[in-house]
């Protein structure tokens, strides 16, 4: 993707979805952190199904800690790796209380010091909760960035850094959502829906429909 195409690429995505949001359900910053922690190797829909029940009884670090590891596990056992995630969530709740007065910290360093919170999770919290222009590169963003030529890279970090370099400031805060949603519903892995793609004209990978040729005449 040429530099001159990056701004119109995001302008089109913004016009189609002016106020993009995460599909994870939450009502406070702790719930967001917990939901993102649980979302590793799981779908947002699957996480939401579990957290609707979990957050009804434990939506603060204090309540999560009181619920205990086994108690947490009972609510999230429909999610992959639920036992490990229950331990991480319980320990995270404890550390939030002990180190941060029960509040979710606002720095990457403090977030990544929490169990089960890596760079991607920290980026989501910093972006969604605190409005920072971070880029949480998941499988969808990695695919879209490489396929379109927006930010080619062999690792998530390489793609993240290139995206931060190329995305115009006016689109930086919401770009994370636009790219995830585009990868989730249009630029899918096995058979991208190029015919429905609003930004196909900017894509380095020639849309599939361009290769099909004209329909045979009758």
C-alpha atoms as a PDB file:
ATOM      1  CA  UNK A   1       0.000   0.000   0.000  1.00  0.00           C
ATOM      2  CA  UNK A   2       1.403   3.365  -1.034  1.00  0.00           C
ATOM      3  CA  UNK A   3       1.791   6.110   1.541  1.00  0.00           C
ATOM      4  CA  UNK A   4      -0.719   8.197  -0.388  1.00  0.00           C
ATOM      5  CA  UNK A   5      -3.324   5.438   0.046  1.00  0.00           C
ATOM      6  CA  UNK A   6      -3.126   5.070   3.831  1.00  0.00           C
ATOM      7  CA  UNK A   7      -5.209   8.136   4.708  1.00  0.00           C
ATOM      8  CA  UNK A   8      -8.052   7.368   2.258  1.00  0.00           C
ATOM      9  CA  UNK A   9      -7.981   3.718   3.399  1.00  0.00           C
ATOM     10  CA  UNK A  10      -8.841   4.779   6.943  1.00  0.00           C
ATOM     11  CA  UNK A  11     -11.159   7.538   5.799  1.00  0.00           C
ATOM     12  CA  UNK A  12     -13.341   4.930   4.086  1.00  0.00           C
ATOM     13  CA  UNK A  13     -13.356   2.693   7.172  1.00  0.00           C
ATOM     14  CA  UNK A  14     -14.260   5.664   9.360  1.00  0.00           C
ATOM     15  CA  UNK A  15     -17.088   6.752   7.069  1.00  0.00           C
ATOM     16  CA  UNK A  16     -18.578   3.263   7.280  1.00  0.00           C
ATOM     17  CA  UNK A  17     -18.183   3.012  11.057  1.00  0.00           C
ATOM     18  CA  UNK A  18     -17.544   6.429  12.672  1.00  0.00           C
ATOM     19  CA  UNK A  19     -17.483   5.198  16.254  1.00  0.00           C
ATOM     20  CA  UNK A  20     -16.079   1.652  16.370  1.00  0.00           C
ATOM     21  CA  UNK A  21     -16.075  -0.222  19.670  1.00  0.00           C
ATOM     22  CA  UNK A  22     -14.761  -3.458  21.059  1.00  0.00           C
ATOM     23  CA  UNK A  23     -17.180  -6.378  20.922  1.00  0.00           C
ATOM     24  CA  UNK A  24     -16.211  -7.426  24.440  1.00  0.00           C
ATOM     25  CA  UNK A  25     -18.872  -6.495  26.993  1.00  0.00           C
ATOM     26  CA  UNK A  26     -17.805  -4.524  30.083  1.00  0.00           C
ATOM     27  CA  UNK A  27     -19.072  -1.772  32.368  1.00  0.00           C
ATOM     28  CA  UNK A  28     -15.864  -0.693  34.115  1.00  0.00           C
ATOM     29  CA  UNK A  29     -12.117  -0.798  33.504  1.00  0.00           C
ATOM     30  CA  UNK A  30     -11.574  -3.871  35.673  1.00  0.00           C
ATOM     31  CA  UNK A  31     -14.211  -5.784  33.722  1.00  0.00           C
ATOM     32  CA  UNK A  32     -12.461  -4.773  30.494  1.00  0.00           C
ATOM     33  CA  UNK A  33      -9.106  -5.992  31.799  1.00  0.00           C
ATOM     34  CA  UNK A  34     -10.647  -9.275  32.938  1.00  0.00           C
ATOM     35  CA  UNK A  35     -12.473  -9.788  29.631  1.00  0.00           C
ATOM     36  CA  UNK A  36      -9.344  -9.150  27.557  1.00  0.00           C
ATOM     37  CA  UNK A  37      -7.324 -11.463  29.786  1.00  0.00           C
ATOM     38  CA  UNK A  38      -9.914 -14.191  29.225  1.00  0.00           C
ATOM     39  CA  UNK A  39     -10.098 -13.593  25.473  1.00  0.00           C
ATOM     40  CA  UNK A  40      -6.754 -15.188  24.610  1.00  0.00           C
ATOM     41  CA  UNK A  41      -7.450 -18.098  22.216  1.00  0.00           C
ATOM     42  CA  UNK A  42     -11.180 -17.503  22.629  1.00  0.00           C
ATOM     43  CA  UNK A  43     -13.858 -15.612  20.718  1.00  0.00           C
ATOM     44  CA  UNK A  44     -15.376 -12.401  22.029  1.00  0.00           C
ATOM     45  CA  UNK A  45     -18.807 -14.045  21.877  1.00  0.00           C
ATOM     46  CA  UNK A  46     -17.591 -16.941  24.012  1.00  0.00           C
ATOM     47  CA  UNK A  47     -15.998 -14.589  26.530  1.00  0.00           C
ATOM     48  CA  UNK A  48     -19.120 -12.443  26.738  1.00  0.00           C
ATOM     49  CA  UNK A  49     -21.257 -15.485  27.452  1.00  0.00           C
ATOM     50  CA  UNK A  50     -19.062 -16.384  30.414  1.00  0.00           C
ATOM     51  CA  UNK A  51     -18.480 -12.886  31.765  1.00  0.00           C
ATOM     52  CA  UNK A  52     -22.160 -11.995  31.842  1.00  0.00           C
ATOM     53  CA  UNK A  53     -22.478 -14.512  34.665  1.00  0.00           C
ATOM     54  CA  UNK A  54     -19.063 -13.843  36.210  1.00  0.00           C
ATOM     55  CA  UNK A  55     -19.375 -10.066  36.374  1.00  0.00           C
ATOM     56  CA  UNK A  56     -22.806 -10.332  37.927  1.00  0.00           C
ATOM     57  CA  UNK A  57     -21.119 -11.620  41.083  1.00  0.00           C
ATOM     58  CA  UNK A  58     -17.549 -10.328  40.747  1.00  0.00           C
ATOM     59  CA  UNK A  59     -17.028  -7.080  38.874  1.00  0.00           C
ATOM     60  CA  UNK A  60     -14.341  -5.586  41.122  1.00  0.00           C
ATOM     61  CA  UNK A  61     -10.900  -6.845  42.182  1.00  0.00           C
ATOM     62  CA  UNK A  62     -12.174  -7.308  45.736  1.00  0.00           C
ATOM     63  CA  UNK A  63     -15.108  -9.467  44.689  1.00  0.00           C
ATOM     64  CA  UNK A  64     -12.997 -11.425  42.206  1.00  0.00           C
ATOM     65  CA  UNK A  65     -10.424 -12.173  44.891  1.00  0.00           C
ATOM     66  CA  UNK A  66     -13.150 -13.260  47.309  1.00  0.00           C
ATOM     67  CA  UNK A  67     -14.615 -15.598  44.703  1.00  0.00           C
ATOM     68  CA  UNK A  68     -11.428 -17.676  44.721  1.00  0.00           C
ATOM     69  CA  UNK A  69      -9.720 -19.561  41.924  1.00  0.00           C
ATOM     70  CA  UNK A  70     -12.166 -22.450  41.888  1.00  0.00           C
ATOM     71  CA  UNK A  71     -15.101 -20.085  42.049  1.00  0.00           C
ATOM     72  CA  UNK A  72     -13.811 -18.127  39.059  1.00  0.00           C
ATOM     73  CA  UNK A  73     -13.134 -21.351  37.171  1.00  0.00           C
ATOM     74  CA  UNK A  74     -16.747 -22.438  37.543  1.00  0.00           C
ATOM     75  CA  UNK A  75     -17.936 -19.336  35.721  1.00  0.00           C
ATOM     76  CA  UNK A  76     -15.407 -19.465  32.884  1.00  0.00           C
ATOM     77  CA  UNK A  77     -15.057 -23.199  32.235  1.00  0.00           C
ATOM     78  CA  UNK A  78     -16.652 -22.786  28.800  1.00  0.00           C
ATOM     79  CA  UNK A  79     -13.542 -20.815  27.747  1.00  0.00           C
ATOM     80  CA  UNK A  80     -10.323 -22.469  26.611  1.00  0.00           C
ATOM     81  CA  UNK A  81      -7.491 -22.691  29.161  1.00  0.00           C
ATOM     82  CA  UNK A  82      -9.979 -21.693  31.835  1.00  0.00           C
ATOM     83  CA  UNK A  83      -8.009 -23.075  34.793  1.00  0.00           C
ATOM     84  CA  UNK A  84      -4.897 -21.091  33.919  1.00  0.00           C
ATOM     85  CA  UNK A  85      -6.982 -18.014  33.230  1.00  0.00           C
ATOM     86  CA  UNK A  86      -8.786 -18.387  36.561  1.00  0.00           C
ATOM     87  CA  UNK A  87      -5.428 -18.398  38.366  1.00  0.00           C
ATOM     88  CA  UNK A  88      -4.229 -15.379  36.422  1.00  0.00           C
ATOM     89  CA  UNK A  89      -7.436 -13.448  37.030  1.00  0.00           C
ATOM     90  CA  UNK A  90      -7.404 -14.229  40.746  1.00  0.00           C
ATOM     91  CA  UNK A  91      -3.756 -13.199  41.115  1.00  0.00           C
ATOM     92  CA  UNK A  92      -4.350 -10.068  39.040  1.00  0.00           C
ATOM     93  CA  UNK A  93      -7.173  -9.064  41.370  1.00  0.00           C
ATOM     94  CA  UNK A  94      -4.868  -9.537  44.365  1.00  0.00           C
ATOM     95  CA  UNK A  95      -2.095  -7.453  42.850  1.00  0.00           C
ATOM     96  CA  UNK A  96      -4.469  -4.680  41.845  1.00  0.00           C
ATOM     97  CA  UNK A  97      -5.593  -4.414  45.456  1.00  0.00           C
ATOM     98  CA  UNK A  98      -2.100  -4.640  46.948  1.00  0.00           C
ATOM     99  CA  UNK A  99      -0.206  -2.447  44.474  1.00  0.00           C
ATOM    100  CA  UNK A 100      -2.756  -0.135  42.903  1.00  0.00           C
ATOM    101  CA  UNK A 101      -5.476   0.461  45.468  1.00  0.00           C
ATOM    102  CA  UNK A 102      -7.917  -1.726  43.545  1.00  0.00           C
ATOM    103  CA  UNK A 103      -7.593   0.373  40.388  1.00  0.00           C
ATOM    104  CA  UNK A 104      -6.395  -0.725  36.957  1.00  0.00           C
ATOM    105  CA  UNK A 105      -3.050   1.007  36.299  1.00  0.00           C
ATOM    106  CA  UNK A 106      -2.636   3.414  33.423  1.00  0.00           C
ATOM    107  CA  UNK A 107       0.873   2.431  32.304  1.00  0.00           C
ATOM    108  CA  UNK A 108       2.084  -0.371  30.065  1.00  0.00           C
ATOM    109  CA  UNK A 109       4.784  -1.393  32.528  1.00  0.00           C
ATOM    110  CA  UNK A 110       2.315  -1.817  35.402  1.00  0.00           C
ATOM    111  CA  UNK A 111      -0.223  -3.635  33.244  1.00  0.00           C
ATOM    112  CA  UNK A 112       2.322  -6.091  31.836  1.00  0.00           C
ATOM    113  CA  UNK A 113       3.455  -6.878  35.385  1.00  0.00           C
ATOM    114  CA  UNK A 114       0.051  -8.473  36.015  1.00  0.00           C
ATOM    115  CA  UNK A 115      -0.315 -12.263  35.510  1.00  0.00           C
ATOM    116  CA  UNK A 116      -1.576 -13.201  32.067  1.00  0.00           C
ATOM    117  CA  UNK A 117      -1.295  -9.643  30.768  1.00  0.00           C
ATOM    118  CA  UNK A 118       1.033  -9.368  27.800  1.00  0.00           C
ATOM    119  CA  UNK A 119       1.688  -6.549  25.378  1.00  0.00           C
ATOM    120  CA  UNK A 120      -1.494  -7.140  23.364  1.00  0.00           C
ATOM    121  CA  UNK A 121      -3.745  -7.138  26.432  1.00  0.00           C
ATOM    122  CA  UNK A 122      -2.058  -4.025  27.780  1.00  0.00           C
ATOM    123  CA  UNK A 123      -2.535  -2.297  24.422  1.00  0.00           C
ATOM    124  CA  UNK A 124      -6.252  -3.072  24.414  1.00  0.00           C
ATOM    125  CA  UNK A 125      -6.740  -1.675  27.917  1.00  0.00           C
ATOM    126  CA  UNK A 126      -4.680   1.438  27.182  1.00  0.00           C
ATOM    127  CA  UNK A 127      -6.654   2.035  23.999  1.00  0.00           C
ATOM    128  CA  UNK A 128     -10.206   1.161  25.009  1.00  0.00           C
ATOM    129  CA  UNK A 129     -10.168   2.308  28.626  1.00  0.00           C
ATOM    130  CA  UNK A 130      -7.793   5.247  28.440  1.00  0.00           C
ATOM    131  CA  UNK A 131      -8.019   6.382  24.825  1.00  0.00           C
ATOM    132  CA  UNK A 132      -4.356   5.930  23.984  1.00  0.00           C
ATOM    133  CA  UNK A 133      -3.378   5.377  20.325  1.00  0.00           C
ATOM    134  CA  UNK A 134      -2.023   1.878  20.862  1.00  0.00           C
ATOM    135  CA  UNK A 135      -2.249  -1.032  18.447  1.00  0.00           C
ATOM    136  CA  UNK A 136      -3.098  -4.485  19.809  1.00  0.00           C
ATOM    137  CA  UNK A 137      -2.035  -6.822  17.019  1.00  0.00           C
ATOM    138  CA  UNK A 138      -4.114  -9.979  17.099  1.00  0.00           C
ATOM    139  CA  UNK A 139      -4.478 -12.567  14.345  1.00  0.00           C
ATOM    140  CA  UNK A 140      -6.979 -10.376  12.465  1.00  0.00           C
ATOM    141  CA  UNK A 141      -4.854  -7.235  12.457  1.00  0.00           C
ATOM    142  CA  UNK A 142      -1.735  -9.237  11.604  1.00  0.00           C
ATOM    143  CA  UNK A 143      -3.509 -10.722   8.576  1.00  0.00           C
ATOM    144  CA  UNK A 144      -5.051  -7.464   7.352  1.00  0.00           C
ATOM    145  CA  UNK A 145      -1.837  -5.495   7.787  1.00  0.00           C
ATOM    146  CA  UNK A 146       0.187  -8.019   5.799  1.00  0.00           C
ATOM    147  CA  UNK A 147      -2.422  -8.817   3.163  1.00  0.00           C
ATOM    148  CA  UNK A 148      -3.193  -5.205   2.314  1.00  0.00           C
ATOM    149  CA  UNK A 149       0.414  -4.072   2.491  1.00  0.00           C
ATOM    150  CA  UNK A 150      -0.488  -1.535   5.161  1.00  0.00           C
ATOM    151  CA  UNK A 151       2.191  -2.901   7.496  1.00  0.00           C
ATOM    152  CA  UNK A 152       4.019  -6.017   6.389  1.00  0.00           C
ATOM    153  CA  UNK A 153       5.898  -7.870   9.104  1.00  0.00           C
ATOM    154  CA  UNK A 154       6.800 -11.345  10.297  1.00  0.00           C
ATOM    155  CA  UNK A 155       5.998 -10.742  13.955  1.00  0.00           C
ATOM    156  CA  UNK A 156       3.168  -9.042  15.820  1.00  0.00           C
ATOM    157  CA  UNK A 157       5.592  -6.477  17.243  1.00  0.00           C
ATOM    158  CA  UNK A 158       6.994  -5.643  13.810  1.00  0.00           C
ATOM    159  CA  UNK A 159       3.483  -5.118  12.462  1.00  0.00           C
ATOM    160  CA  UNK A 160       2.498  -3.055  15.494  1.00  0.00           C
ATOM    161  CA  UNK A 161       5.458  -0.692  15.175  1.00  0.00           C
ATOM    162  CA  UNK A 162       4.934  -0.230  11.445  1.00  0.00           C
ATOM    163  CA  UNK A 163       1.223   0.461  11.931  1.00  0.00           C
ATOM    164  CA  UNK A 164       1.983   3.091  14.564  1.00  0.00           C
ATOM    165  CA  UNK A 165       4.386   4.681  12.103  1.00  0.00           C
ATOM    166  CA  UNK A 166       1.991   4.701   9.132  1.00  0.00           C
ATOM    167  CA  UNK A 167      -1.435   5.422  10.590  1.00  0.00           C
ATOM    168  CA  UNK A 168      -2.291   9.147  10.476  1.00  0.00           C
ATOM    169  CA  UNK A 169      -2.792  10.672  13.951  1.00  0.00           C
ATOM    170  CA  UNK A 170      -6.425  11.511  13.217  1.00  0.00           C
ATOM    171  CA  UNK A 171      -7.225   7.794  12.929  1.00  0.00           C
ATOM    172  CA  UNK A 172      -4.787   6.399  15.504  1.00  0.00           C
ATOM    173  CA  UNK A 173      -7.163   5.854  18.431  1.00  0.00           C
ATOM    174  CA  UNK A 174      -9.840   3.982  16.472  1.00  0.00           C
ATOM    175  CA  UNK A 175      -7.608   2.194  13.940  1.00  0.00           C
ATOM    176  CA  UNK A 176      -7.275  -0.851  16.196  1.00  0.00           C
ATOM    177  CA  UNK A 177     -11.038  -1.443  16.067  1.00  0.00           C
ATOM    178  CA  UNK A 178     -11.431  -0.806  12.356  1.00  0.00           C
ATOM    179  CA  UNK A 179      -8.696  -3.287  11.465  1.00  0.00           C
ATOM    180  CA  UNK A 180      -9.967  -5.999  13.825  1.00  0.00           C
ATOM    181  CA  UNK A 181     -13.541  -5.707  12.580  1.00  0.00           C
ATOM    182  CA  UNK A 182     -12.396  -5.662   8.971  1.00  0.00           C
ATOM    183  CA  UNK A 183     -10.375  -8.825   9.517  1.00  0.00           C
ATOM    184  CA  UNK A 184     -13.138 -10.511  11.476  1.00  0.00           C
ATOM    185  CA  UNK A 185     -15.961  -9.938   9.010  1.00  0.00           C
ATOM    186  CA  UNK A 186     -14.532  -9.054   5.578  1.00  0.00           C
ATOM    187  CA  UNK A 187     -10.827  -9.788   5.182  1.00  0.00           C
ATOM    188  CA  UNK A 188     -11.223 -13.260   6.675  1.00  0.00           C
ATOM    189  CA  UNK A 189      -8.482 -15.854   6.593  1.00  0.00           C
ATOM    190  CA  UNK A 190      -9.600 -18.573   4.198  1.00  0.00           C
ATOM    191  CA  UNK A 191     -11.788 -16.776   1.720  1.00  0.00           C
ATOM    192  CA  UNK A 192     -11.708 -12.972   2.004  1.00  0.00           C
ATOM    193  CA  UNK A 193     -14.895 -11.257   0.898  1.00  0.00           C
ATOM    194  CA  UNK A 194     -13.179  -8.988  -1.612  1.00  0.00           C
ATOM    195  CA  UNK A 195     -16.426  -8.303  -3.486  1.00  0.00           C
ATOM    196  CA  UNK A 196     -17.813  -6.685  -0.334  1.00  0.00           C
ATOM    197  CA  UNK A 197     -14.622  -4.887   0.672  1.00  0.00           C
ATOM    198  CA  UNK A 198     -14.929  -1.105   0.850  1.00  0.00           C
ATOM    199  CA  UNK A 199     -11.146  -0.634   0.738  1.00  0.00           C
ATOM    200  CA  UNK A 200     -10.247  -3.170  -1.961  1.00  0.00           C
ATOM    201  CA  UNK A 201      -8.930  -0.410  -4.213  1.00  0.00           C
ATOM    202  CA  UNK A 202      -6.098   0.238  -1.757  1.00  0.00           C
ATOM    203  CA  UNK A 203      -5.152  -3.405  -1.174  1.00  0.00           C
ATOM    204  CA  UNK A 204      -1.813  -4.806  -2.374  1.00  0.00           C
ATOM    205  CA  UNK A 205      -3.362  -8.256  -2.764  1.00  0.00           C
ATOM    206  CA  UNK A 206      -5.486  -8.094  -5.881  1.00  0.00           C
ATOM    207  CA  UNK A 207      -9.069  -8.866  -4.880  1.00  0.00           C
ATOM    208  CA  UNK A 208     -10.175 -12.347  -5.811  1.00  0.00           C
ATOM    209  CA  UNK A 209     -13.022 -11.132  -7.973  1.00  0.00           C
ATOM    210  CA  UNK A 210     -10.531  -9.438 -10.294  1.00  0.00           C
ATOM    211  CA  UNK A 211      -9.115 -12.868 -11.167  1.00  0.00           C
ATOM    212  CA  UNK A 212     -12.376 -14.514 -12.040  1.00  0.00           C
ATOM    213  CA  UNK A 213     -12.783 -12.877 -15.393  1.00  0.00           C
ATOM    214  CA  UNK A 214     -16.058 -11.916 -17.058  1.00  0.00           C
ATOM    215  CA  UNK A 215     -19.105 -14.064 -16.712  1.00  0.00           C
ATOM    216  CA  UNK A 216     -19.788 -16.206 -19.778  1.00  0.00           C
ATOM    217  CA  UNK A 217     -22.413 -14.752 -22.102  1.00  0.00           C
ATOM    218  CA  UNK A 218     -25.603 -16.641 -22.710  1.00  0.00           C
END
